[in-house]
Amino acid sequence: MKTKLSRFDAAEHLRSPEEMSAYLSACMEEAGDDAAFVAKALGDIARAKGMSQIAKASGLSRESLYKALSGERVPAFDTVLKVCHALGIQFTTTPIPQSGR
């Protein structure tokens, strides 16, 4: 008997703002210096909310958002800020513990 596998899509499991925030926080913690990984996480959240809606709210085209948030490139910081604003997400900062520097 063969096991049938399907590709996991995080966007299908992100339903509430709390889940989206927890997902992005976990991805940022895991990413280290990998900005494309964080961009991909933002892309997952944008797809969960509706890419067309985020494109309209951010003033960016849907196509450019798919490219910028694919995880294959690092988007410009202004794009990240526009997407975060459209998603209703804000960044907060905390000091890195001495052992993590």
PDB file of N, CA and C in Angstrom:
ATOM      1  N   MET A   1       0.836  -1.177   0.000  1.00  0.00           N
ATOM      2  CA  MET A   1       0.000   0.000   0.000  1.00  0.00           C
ATOM      3  C   MET A   1       0.886   1.248   0.000  1.00  0.00           C
ATOM      4  N   LYS A   2       0.628   2.134  -0.932  1.00  0.00           N
ATOM      5  CA  LYS A   2       1.414   3.356  -1.044  1.00  0.00           C
ATOM      6  C   LYS A   2       0.804   4.456  -0.168  1.00  0.00           C
ATOM      7  N   THR A   3       1.683   5.251   0.390  1.00  0.00           N
ATOM      8  CA  THR A   3       1.248   6.408   1.153  1.00  0.00           C
ATOM      9  C   THR A   3       1.222   7.607   0.215  1.00  0.00           C
ATOM     10  N   LYS A   4       0.099   8.280   0.193  1.00  0.00           N
ATOM     11  CA  LYS A   4      -0.025   9.456  -0.657  1.00  0.00           C
ATOM     12  C   LYS A   4       0.304  10.706   0.165  1.00  0.00           C
ATOM     13  N   LEU A   5       1.248  11.460  -0.327  1.00  0.00           N
ATOM     14  CA  LEU A   5       1.667  12.687   0.347  1.00  0.00           C
ATOM     15  C   LEU A   5       1.213  13.893  -0.457  1.00  0.00           C
ATOM     16  N   SER A   6       0.938  14.947   0.243  1.00  0.00           N
ATOM     17  CA  SER A   6       0.620  16.204  -0.432  1.00  0.00           C
ATOM     18  C   SER A   6       1.515  17.294   0.151  1.00  0.00           C
ATOM     19  N   ARG A   7       1.719  18.316  -0.626  1.00  0.00           N
ATOM     20  CA  ARG A   7       2.585  19.420  -0.204  1.00  0.00           C
ATOM     21  C   ARG A   7       1.898  20.213   0.909  1.00  0.00           C
ATOM     22  N   PHE A   8       2.650  20.520   1.964  1.00  0.00           N
ATOM     23  CA  PHE A   8       2.122  21.300   3.077  1.00  0.00           C
ATOM     24  C   PHE A   8       2.071  22.765   2.690  1.00  0.00           C
ATOM     25  N   ASP A   9       0.959  23.412   2.952  1.00  0.00           N
ATOM     26  CA  ASP A   9       0.805  24.841   2.679  1.00  0.00           C
ATOM     27  C   ASP A   9       0.370  25.521   3.969  1.00  0.00           C
ATOM     28  N   ALA A  10       1.297  26.262   4.580  1.00  0.00           N
ATOM     29  CA  ALA A  10       1.012  26.927   5.850  1.00  0.00           C
ATOM     30  C   ALA A  10      -0.181  27.863   5.748  1.00  0.00           C
ATOM     31  N   ALA A  11      -0.392  28.473   4.586  1.00  0.00           N
ATOM     32  CA  ALA A  11      -1.488  29.432   4.413  1.00  0.00           C
ATOM     33  C   ALA A  11      -2.848  28.797   4.687  1.00  0.00           C
ATOM     34  N   GLU A  12      -2.967  27.507   4.458  1.00  0.00           N
ATOM     35  CA  GLU A  12      -4.234  26.814   4.691  1.00  0.00           C
ATOM     36  C   GLU A  12      -4.549  26.644   6.177  1.00  0.00           C
ATOM     37  N   HIS A  13      -3.557  26.875   7.037  1.00  0.00           N
ATOM     38  CA  HIS A  13      -3.722  26.640   8.472  1.00  0.00           C
ATOM     39  C   HIS A  13      -3.686  27.930   9.295  1.00  0.00           C
ATOM     40  N   LEU A  14      -3.546  29.052   8.641  1.00  0.00           N
ATOM     41  CA  LEU A  14      -3.473  30.339   9.337  1.00  0.00           C
ATOM     42  C   LEU A  14      -4.839  31.016   9.246  1.00  0.00           C
ATOM     43  N   ARG A  15      -5.595  30.950  10.320  1.00  0.00           N
ATOM     44  CA  ARG A  15      -6.968  31.458  10.276  1.00  0.00           C
ATOM     45  C   ARG A  15      -7.171  32.745  11.060  1.00  0.00           C
ATOM     46  N   SER A  16      -6.511  32.880  12.180  1.00  0.00           N
ATOM     47  CA  SER A  16      -6.747  34.040  13.040  1.00  0.00           C
ATOM     48  C   SER A  16      -5.511  34.938  13.074  1.00  0.00           C
ATOM     49  N   PRO A  17      -5.700  36.197  13.451  1.00  0.00           N
ATOM     50  CA  PRO A  17      -4.538  37.086  13.606  1.00  0.00           C
ATOM     51  C   PRO A  17      -3.525  36.541  14.615  1.00  0.00           C
ATOM     52  N   GLU A  18      -4.006  35.869  15.645  1.00  0.00           N
ATOM     53  CA  GLU A  18      -3.101  35.308  16.652  1.00  0.00           C
ATOM     54  C   GLU A  18      -2.247  34.190  16.055  1.00  0.00           C
ATOM     55  N   GLU A  19      -2.871  33.322  15.232  1.00  0.00           N
ATOM     56  CA  GLU A  19      -2.111  32.261  14.573  1.00  0.00           C
ATOM     57  C   GLU A  19      -1.091  32.839  13.608  1.00  0.00           C
ATOM     58  N   MET A  20      -1.486  33.876  12.887  1.00  0.00           N
ATOM     59  CA  MET A  20      -0.585  34.511  11.925  1.00  0.00           C
ATOM     60  C   MET A  20       0.600  35.154  12.636  1.00  0.00           C
ATOM     61  N   SER A  21       0.325  35.820  13.739  1.00  0.00           N
ATOM     62  CA  SER A  21       1.384  36.460  14.509  1.00  0.00           C
ATOM     63  C   SER A  21       2.335  35.429  15.106  1.00  0.00           C
ATOM     64  N   ALA A  22       1.798  34.357  15.658  1.00  0.00           N
ATOM     65  CA  ALA A  22       2.634  33.305  16.239  1.00  0.00           C
ATOM     66  C   ALA A  22       3.494  32.644  15.158  1.00  0.00           C
ATOM     67  N   TYR A  23       2.909  32.428  13.984  1.00  0.00           N
ATOM     68  CA  TYR A  23       3.643  31.822  12.870  1.00  0.00           C
ATOM     69  C   TYR A  23       4.810  32.716  12.438  1.00  0.00           C
ATOM     70  N   LEU A  24       4.543  34.006  12.268  1.00  0.00           N
ATOM     71  CA  LEU A  24       5.603  34.923  11.850  1.00  0.00           C
ATOM     72  C   LEU A  24       6.685  35.020  12.916  1.00  0.00           C
ATOM     73  N   SER A  25       6.298  35.079  14.176  1.00  0.00           N
ATOM     74  CA  SER A  25       7.286  35.131  15.265  1.00  0.00           C
ATOM     75  C   SER A  25       8.173  33.896  15.252  1.00  0.00           C
ATOM     76  N   ALA A  26       7.569  32.730  15.095  1.00  0.00           N
ATOM     77  CA  ALA A  26       8.345  31.482  15.058  1.00  0.00           C
ATOM     78  C   ALA A  26       9.281  31.462  13.854  1.00  0.00           C
ATOM     79  N   CYS A  27       8.796  31.919  12.712  1.00  0.00           N
ATOM     80  CA  CYS A  27       9.635  31.947  11.506  1.00  0.00           C
ATOM     81  C   CYS A  27      10.790  32.924  11.660  1.00  0.00           C
ATOM     82  N   MET A  28      10.533  34.069  12.268  1.00  0.00           N
ATOM     83  CA  MET A  28      11.607  35.044  12.464  1.00  0.00           C
ATOM     84  C   MET A  28      12.665  34.507  13.423  1.00  0.00           C
ATOM     85  N   GLU A  29      12.213  33.789  14.436  1.00  0.00           N
ATOM     86  CA  GLU A  29      13.159  33.202  15.387  1.00  0.00           C
ATOM     87  C   GLU A  29      14.005  32.128  14.705  1.00  0.00           C
ATOM     88  N   GLU A  30      13.379  31.335  13.875  1.00  0.00           N
ATOM     89  CA  GLU A  30      14.057  30.247  13.175  1.00  0.00           C
ATOM     90  C   GLU A  30      14.971  30.757  12.059  1.00  0.00           C
ATOM     91  N   ALA A  31      14.610  31.881  11.440  1.00  0.00           N
ATOM     92  CA  ALA A  31      15.290  32.371  10.241  1.00  0.00           C
ATOM     93  C   ALA A  31      16.726  32.811  10.473  1.00  0.00           C
ATOM     94  N   GLY A  32      17.024  33.293  11.649  1.00  0.00           N
ATOM     95  CA  GLY A  32      18.361  33.856  11.858  1.00  0.00           C
ATOM     96  C   GLY A  32      18.552  35.051  10.946  1.00  0.00           C
ATOM     97  N   ASP A  33      19.513  34.991  10.027  1.00  0.00           N
ATOM     98  CA  ASP A  33      19.786  36.092   9.097  1.00  0.00           C
ATOM     99  C   ASP A  33      19.179  35.858   7.714  1.00  0.00           C
ATOM    100  N   ASP A  34      18.308  34.867   7.578  1.00  0.00           N
ATOM    101  CA  ASP A  34      17.725  34.507   6.284  1.00  0.00           C
ATOM    102  C   ASP A  34      16.466  35.339   6.007  1.00  0.00           C
ATOM    103  N   ALA A  35      16.651  36.488   5.386  1.00  0.00           N
ATOM    104  CA  ALA A  35      15.534  37.402   5.113  1.00  0.00           C
ATOM    105  C   ALA A  35      14.527  36.796   4.137  1.00  0.00           C
ATOM    106  N   ALA A  36      14.985  35.963   3.208  1.00  0.00           N
ATOM    107  CA  ALA A  36      14.066  35.328   2.258  1.00  0.00           C
ATOM    108  C   ALA A  36      13.108  34.386   2.976  1.00  0.00           C
ATOM    109  N   PHE A  37      13.575  33.742   4.042  1.00  0.00           N
ATOM    110  CA  PHE A  37      12.723  32.859   4.837  1.00  0.00           C
ATOM    111  C   PHE A  37      11.593  33.662   5.490  1.00  0.00           C
ATOM    112  N   VAL A  38      11.916  34.829   6.015  1.00  0.00           N
ATOM    113  CA  VAL A  38      10.905  35.703   6.629  1.00  0.00           C
ATOM    114  C   VAL A  38       9.946  36.213   5.560  1.00  0.00           C
ATOM    115  N   ALA A  39      10.469  36.558   4.391  1.00  0.00           N
ATOM    116  CA  ALA A  39       9.610  37.012   3.293  1.00  0.00           C
ATOM    117  C   ALA A  39       8.625  35.921   2.897  1.00  0.00           C
ATOM    118  N   LYS A  40       9.092  34.677   2.873  1.00  0.00           N
ATOM    119  CA  LYS A  40       8.209  33.544   2.547  1.00  0.00           C
ATOM    120  C   LYS A  40       7.104  33.415   3.590  1.00  0.00           C
ATOM    121  N   ALA A  41       7.447  33.596   4.851  1.00  0.00           N
ATOM    122  CA  ALA A  41       6.444  33.533   5.921  1.00  0.00           C
ATOM    123  C   ALA A  41       5.398  34.637   5.738  1.00  0.00           C
ATOM    124  N   LEU A  42       5.856  35.839   5.394  1.00  0.00           N
ATOM    125  CA  LEU A  42       4.913  36.924   5.107  1.00  0.00           C
ATOM    126  C   LEU A  42       4.031  36.566   3.917  1.00  0.00           C
ATOM    127  N   GLY A  43       4.613  35.900   2.926  1.00  0.00           N
ATOM    128  CA  GLY A  43       3.845  35.453   1.770  1.00  0.00           C
ATOM    129  C   GLY A  43       2.783  34.442   2.152  1.00  0.00           C
ATOM    130  N   ASP A  44       3.125  33.518   3.055  1.00  0.00           N
ATOM    131  CA  ASP A  44       2.143  32.543   3.537  1.00  0.00           C
ATOM    132  C   ASP A  44       0.975  33.247   4.214  1.00  0.00           C
ATOM    133  N   ILE A  45       1.290  34.230   5.035  1.00  0.00           N
ATOM    134  CA  ILE A  45       0.241  34.973   5.747  1.00  0.00           C
ATOM    135  C   ILE A  45      -0.598  35.779   4.763  1.00  0.00           C
ATOM    136  N   ALA A  46       0.054  36.415   3.801  1.00  0.00           N
ATOM    137  CA  ALA A  46      -0.682  37.205   2.796  1.00  0.00           C
ATOM    138  C   ALA A  46      -1.627  36.308   1.991  1.00  0.00           C
ATOM    139  N   ARG A  47      -1.164  35.117   1.624  1.00  0.00           N
ATOM    140  CA  ARG A  47      -2.037  34.198   0.887  1.00  0.00           C
ATOM    141  C   ARG A  47      -3.205  33.732   1.757  1.00  0.00           C
ATOM    142  N   ALA A  48      -2.959  33.560   3.048  1.00  0.00           N
ATOM    143  CA  ALA A  48      -4.034  33.157   3.967  1.00  0.00           C
ATOM    144  C   ALA A  48      -5.109  34.240   4.059  1.00  0.00           C
ATOM    145  N   LYS A  49      -4.686  35.493   4.038  1.00  0.00           N
ATOM    146  CA  LYS A  49      -5.646  36.605   4.118  1.00  0.00           C
ATOM    147  C   LYS A  49      -6.249  36.948   2.770  1.00  0.00           C
ATOM    148  N   GLY A  50      -5.566  36.581   1.714  1.00  0.00           N
ATOM    149  CA  GLY A  50      -6.012  36.905   0.363  1.00  0.00           C
ATOM    150  C   GLY A  50      -5.040  37.870  -0.288  1.00  0.00           C
ATOM    151  N   MET A  51      -4.280  37.376  -1.237  1.00  0.00           N
ATOM    152  CA  MET A  51      -3.230  38.180  -1.863  1.00  0.00           C
ATOM    153  C   MET A  51      -3.800  39.419  -2.550  1.00  0.00           C
ATOM    154  N   SER A  52      -4.973  39.294  -3.166  1.00  0.00           N
ATOM    155  CA  SER A  52      -5.580  40.459  -3.834  1.00  0.00           C
ATOM    156  C   SER A  52      -5.902  41.553  -2.831  1.00  0.00           C
ATOM    157  N   GLN A  53      -6.425  41.159  -1.686  1.00  0.00           N
ATOM    158  CA  GLN A  53      -6.751  42.121  -0.630  1.00  0.00           C
ATOM    159  C   GLN A  53      -5.494  42.818  -0.123  1.00  0.00           C
ATOM    160  N   ILE A  54      -4.418  42.052   0.074  1.00  0.00           N
ATOM    161  CA  ILE A  54      -3.163  42.628   0.567  1.00  0.00           C
ATOM    162  C   ILE A  54      -2.541  43.530  -0.495  1.00  0.00           C
ATOM    163  N   ALA A  55      -2.636  43.132  -1.750  1.00  0.00           N
ATOM    164  CA  ALA A  55      -2.107  43.963  -2.835  1.00  0.00           C
ATOM    165  C   ALA A  55      -2.818  45.311  -2.851  1.00  0.00           C
ATOM    166  N   LYS A  56      -4.116  45.276  -2.760  1.00  0.00           N
ATOM    167  CA  LYS A  56      -4.887  46.530  -2.780  1.00  0.00           C
ATOM    168  C   LYS A  56      -4.545  47.406  -1.577  1.00  0.00           C
ATOM    169  N   ALA A  57      -4.480  46.806  -0.398  1.00  0.00           N
ATOM    170  CA  ALA A  57      -4.207  47.564   0.829  1.00  0.00           C
ATOM    171  C   ALA A  57      -2.775  48.102   0.871  1.00  0.00           C
ATOM    172  N   SER A  58      -1.843  47.406   0.227  1.00  0.00           N
ATOM    173  CA  SER A  58      -0.443  47.836   0.267  1.00  0.00           C
ATOM    174  C   SER A  58      -0.065  48.759  -0.884  1.00  0.00           C
ATOM    175  N   GLY A  59      -0.911  48.809  -1.915  1.00  0.00           N
ATOM    176  CA  GLY A  59      -0.601  49.623  -3.079  1.00  0.00           C
ATOM    177  C   GLY A  59       0.383  48.955  -4.025  1.00  0.00           C
ATOM    178  N   LEU A  60       0.587  47.668  -3.862  1.00  0.00           N
ATOM    179  CA  LEU A  60       1.502  46.903  -4.711  1.00  0.00           C
ATOM    180  C   LEU A  60       0.691  45.956  -5.587  1.00  0.00           C
ATOM    181  N   SER A  61       1.245  45.554  -6.716  1.00  0.00           N
ATOM    182  CA  SER A  61       0.522  44.629  -7.580  1.00  0.00           C
ATOM    183  C   SER A  61       0.580  43.218  -6.997  1.00  0.00           C
ATOM    184  N   ARG A  62      -0.445  42.451  -7.278  1.00  0.00           N
ATOM    185  CA  ARG A  62      -0.515  41.077  -6.803  1.00  0.00           C
ATOM    186  C   ARG A  62       0.670  40.264  -7.323  1.00  0.00           C
ATOM    187  N   GLU A  63       1.013  40.464  -8.587  1.00  0.00           N
ATOM    188  CA  GLU A  63       2.116  39.734  -9.188  1.00  0.00           C
ATOM    189  C   GLU A  63       3.445  40.055  -8.510  1.00  0.00           C
ATOM    190  N   SER A  64       3.667  41.341  -8.223  1.00  0.00           N
ATOM    191  CA  SER A  64       4.928  41.710  -7.571  1.00  0.00           C
ATOM    192  C   SER A  64       4.981  41.170  -6.144  1.00  0.00           C
ATOM    193  N   LEU A  65       3.831  41.082  -5.482  1.00  0.00           N
ATOM    194  CA  LEU A  65       3.814  40.501  -4.139  1.00  0.00           C
ATOM    195  C   LEU A  65       4.157  39.020  -4.173  1.00  0.00           C
ATOM    196  N   TYR A  66       3.579  38.294  -5.120  1.00  0.00           N
ATOM    197  CA  TYR A  66       3.909  36.871  -5.227  1.00  0.00           C
ATOM    198  C   TYR A  66       5.403  36.686  -5.435  1.00  0.00           C
ATOM    199  N   LYS A  67       6.018  37.507  -6.278  1.00  0.00           N
ATOM    200  CA  LYS A  67       7.458  37.408  -6.525  1.00  0.00           C
ATOM    201  C   LYS A  67       8.264  37.789  -5.283  1.00  0.00           C
ATOM    202  N   ALA A  68       7.907  38.924  -4.673  1.00  0.00           N
ATOM    203  CA  ALA A  68       8.665  39.434  -3.532  1.00  0.00           C
ATOM    204  C   ALA A  68       8.571  38.510  -2.321  1.00  0.00           C
ATOM    205  N   LEU A  69       7.428  37.830  -2.165  1.00  0.00           N
ATOM    206  CA  LEU A  69       7.197  37.016  -0.975  1.00  0.00           C
ATOM    207  C   LEU A  69       7.292  35.514  -1.257  1.00  0.00           C
ATOM    208  N   SER A  70       7.979  35.166  -2.325  1.00  0.00           N
ATOM    209  CA  SER A  70       8.099  33.758  -2.726  1.00  0.00           C
ATOM    210  C   SER A  70       9.113  32.982  -1.893  1.00  0.00           C
ATOM    211  N   GLY A  71      10.029  33.702  -1.257  1.00  0.00           N
ATOM    212  CA  GLY A  71      11.113  33.042  -0.543  1.00  0.00           C
ATOM    213  C   GLY A  71      12.324  32.799  -1.420  1.00  0.00           C
ATOM    214  N   GLU A  72      12.219  33.180  -2.688  1.00  0.00           N
ATOM    215  CA  GLU A  72      13.334  33.006  -3.617  1.00  0.00           C
ATOM    216  C   GLU A  72      14.173  34.269  -3.749  1.00  0.00           C
ATOM    217  N   ARG A  73      13.712  35.353  -3.151  1.00  0.00           N
ATOM    218  CA  ARG A  73      14.448  36.616  -3.195  1.00  0.00           C
ATOM    219  C   ARG A  73      14.199  37.366  -1.898  1.00  0.00           C
ATOM    220  N   VAL A  74      14.961  38.397  -1.705  1.00  0.00           N
ATOM    221  CA  VAL A  74      14.796  39.247  -0.528  1.00  0.00           C
ATOM    222  C   VAL A  74      14.121  40.535  -0.985  1.00  0.00           C
ATOM    223  N   PRO A  75      12.900  40.791  -0.521  1.00  0.00           N
ATOM    224  CA  PRO A  75      12.211  42.002  -0.955  1.00  0.00           C
ATOM    225  C   PRO A  75      12.825  43.249  -0.319  1.00  0.00           C
ATOM    226  N   ALA A  76      12.575  44.375  -0.945  1.00  0.00           N
ATOM    227  CA  ALA A  76      13.012  45.649  -0.379  1.00  0.00           C
ATOM    228  C   ALA A  76      12.291  45.868   0.953  1.00  0.00           C
ATOM    229  N   PHE A  77      12.958  46.549   1.860  1.00  0.00           N
ATOM    230  CA  PHE A  77      12.382  46.744   3.191  1.00  0.00           C
ATOM    231  C   PHE A  77      11.084  47.534   3.127  1.00  0.00           C
ATOM    232  N   ASP A  78      10.974  48.478   2.194  1.00  0.00           N
ATOM    233  CA  ASP A  78       9.720  49.233   2.090  1.00  0.00           C
ATOM    234  C   ASP A  78       8.569  48.319   1.679  1.00  0.00           C
ATOM    235  N   THR A  79       8.849  47.300   0.885  1.00  0.00           N
ATOM    236  CA  THR A  79       7.823  46.319   0.521  1.00  0.00           C
ATOM    237  C   THR A  79       7.383  45.542   1.756  1.00  0.00           C
ATOM    238  N   VAL A  80       8.348  45.126   2.568  1.00  0.00           N
ATOM    239  CA  VAL A  80       8.026  44.400   3.800  1.00  0.00           C
ATOM    240  C   VAL A  80       7.152  45.269   4.704  1.00  0.00           C
ATOM    241  N   LEU A  81       7.512  46.529   4.853  1.00  0.00           N
ATOM    242  CA  LEU A  81       6.729  47.421   5.706  1.00  0.00           C
ATOM    243  C   LEU A  81       5.314  47.620   5.177  1.00  0.00           C
ATOM    244  N   LYS A  82       5.164  47.785   3.871  1.00  0.00           N
ATOM    245  CA  LYS A  82       3.839  47.945   3.273  1.00  0.00           C
ATOM    246  C   LYS A  82       2.986  46.696   3.475  1.00  0.00           C
ATOM    247  N   VAL A  83       3.586  45.538   3.302  1.00  0.00           N
ATOM    248  CA  VAL A  83       2.859  44.278   3.481  1.00  0.00           C
ATOM    249  C   VAL A  83       2.458  44.108   4.942  1.00  0.00           C
ATOM    250  N   CYS A  84       3.373  44.385   5.844  1.00  0.00           N
ATOM    251  CA  CYS A  84       3.048  44.273   7.272  1.00  0.00           C
ATOM    252  C   CYS A  84       1.900  45.201   7.645  1.00  0.00           C
ATOM    253  N   HIS A  85       1.956  46.408   7.159  1.00  0.00           N
ATOM    254  CA  HIS A  85       0.877  47.358   7.443  1.00  0.00           C
ATOM    255  C   HIS A  85      -0.452  46.828   6.890  1.00  0.00           C
ATOM    256  N   ALA A  86      -0.440  46.319   5.671  1.00  0.00           N
ATOM    257  CA  ALA A  86      -1.653  45.779   5.056  1.00  0.00           C
ATOM    258  C   ALA A  86      -2.171  44.556   5.809  1.00  0.00           C
ATOM    259  N   LEU A  87      -1.260  43.778   6.394  1.00  0.00           N
ATOM    260  CA  LEU A  87      -1.648  42.601   7.163  1.00  0.00           C
ATOM    261  C   LEU A  87      -2.091  42.940   8.578  1.00  0.00           C
ATOM    262  N   GLY A  88      -1.807  44.167   9.007  1.00  0.00           N
ATOM    263  CA  GLY A  88      -2.125  44.543  10.381  1.00  0.00           C
ATOM    264  C   GLY A  88      -1.122  43.976  11.370  1.00  0.00           C
ATOM    265  N   ILE A  89       0.116  43.807  10.914  1.00  0.00           N
ATOM    266  CA  ILE A  89       1.188  43.241  11.736  1.00  0.00           C
ATOM    267  C   ILE A  89       2.210  44.328  12.029  1.00  0.00           C
ATOM    268  N   GLN A  90       2.685  44.353  13.258  1.00  0.00           N
ATOM    269  CA  GLN A  90       3.762  45.272  13.591  1.00  0.00           C
ATOM    270  C   GLN A  90       4.921  44.495  14.191  1.00  0.00           C
ATOM    271  N   PHE A  91       6.106  44.983  13.943  1.00  0.00           N
ATOM    272  CA  PHE A  91       7.292  44.376  14.523  1.00  0.00           C
ATOM    273  C   PHE A  91       7.535  44.982  15.895  1.00  0.00           C
ATOM    274  N   THR A  92       7.991  44.157  16.818  1.00  0.00           N
ATOM    275  CA  THR A  92       8.450  44.641  18.115  1.00  0.00           C
ATOM    276  C   THR A  92       9.864  44.103  18.308  1.00  0.00           C
ATOM    277  N   THR A  93      10.605  44.752  19.143  1.00  0.00           N
ATOM    278  CA  THR A  93      11.984  44.334  19.349  1.00  0.00           C
ATOM    279  C   THR A  93      12.224  43.966  20.802  1.00  0.00           C
ATOM    280  N   THR A  94      13.160  43.062  20.989  1.00  0.00           N
ATOM    281  CA  THR A  94      13.642  42.694  22.316  1.00  0.00           C
ATOM    282  C   THR A  94      15.140  42.496  22.201  1.00  0.00           C
ATOM    283  N   PRO A  95      15.867  42.750  23.261  1.00  0.00           N
ATOM    284  CA  PRO A  95      17.309  42.532  23.212  1.00  0.00           C
ATOM    285  C   PRO A  95      17.622  41.039  23.030  1.00  0.00           C
ATOM    286  N   ILE A  96      18.694  40.760  22.316  1.00  0.00           N
ATOM    287  CA  ILE A  96      19.163  39.390  22.173  1.00  0.00           C
ATOM    288  C   ILE A  96      19.891  39.023  23.464  1.00  0.00           C
ATOM    289  N   PRO A  97      19.556  37.876  24.035  1.00  0.00           N
ATOM    290  CA  PRO A  97      20.292  37.479  25.252  1.00  0.00           C
ATOM    291  C   PRO A  97      21.787  37.385  24.982  1.00  0.00           C
ATOM    292  N   GLN A  98      22.605  37.672  25.982  1.00  0.00           N
ATOM    293  CA  GLN A  98      24.062  37.673  25.829  1.00  0.00           C
ATOM    294  C   GLN A  98      24.571  36.371  25.247  1.00  0.00           C
ATOM    295  N   SER A  99      23.968  35.254  25.602  1.00  0.00           N
ATOM    296  CA  SER A  99      24.451  33.960  25.106  1.00  0.00           C
ATOM    297  C   SER A  99      24.138  33.766  23.614  1.00  0.00           C
ATOM    298  N   GLY A 100      23.191  34.547  23.060  1.00  0.00           N
ATOM    299  CA  GLY A 100      22.811  34.397  21.665  1.00  0.00           C
ATOM    300  C   GLY A 100      23.546  35.306  20.707  1.00  0.00           C
ATOM    301  N   ARG A 101      24.448  36.126  21.211  1.00  0.00           N
ATOM    302  CA  ARG A 101      25.161  37.079  20.339  1.00  0.00           C
ATOM    303  C   ARG A 101      26.402  36.480  19.771  1.00  0.00           C
TER     304      ARG A 101
END
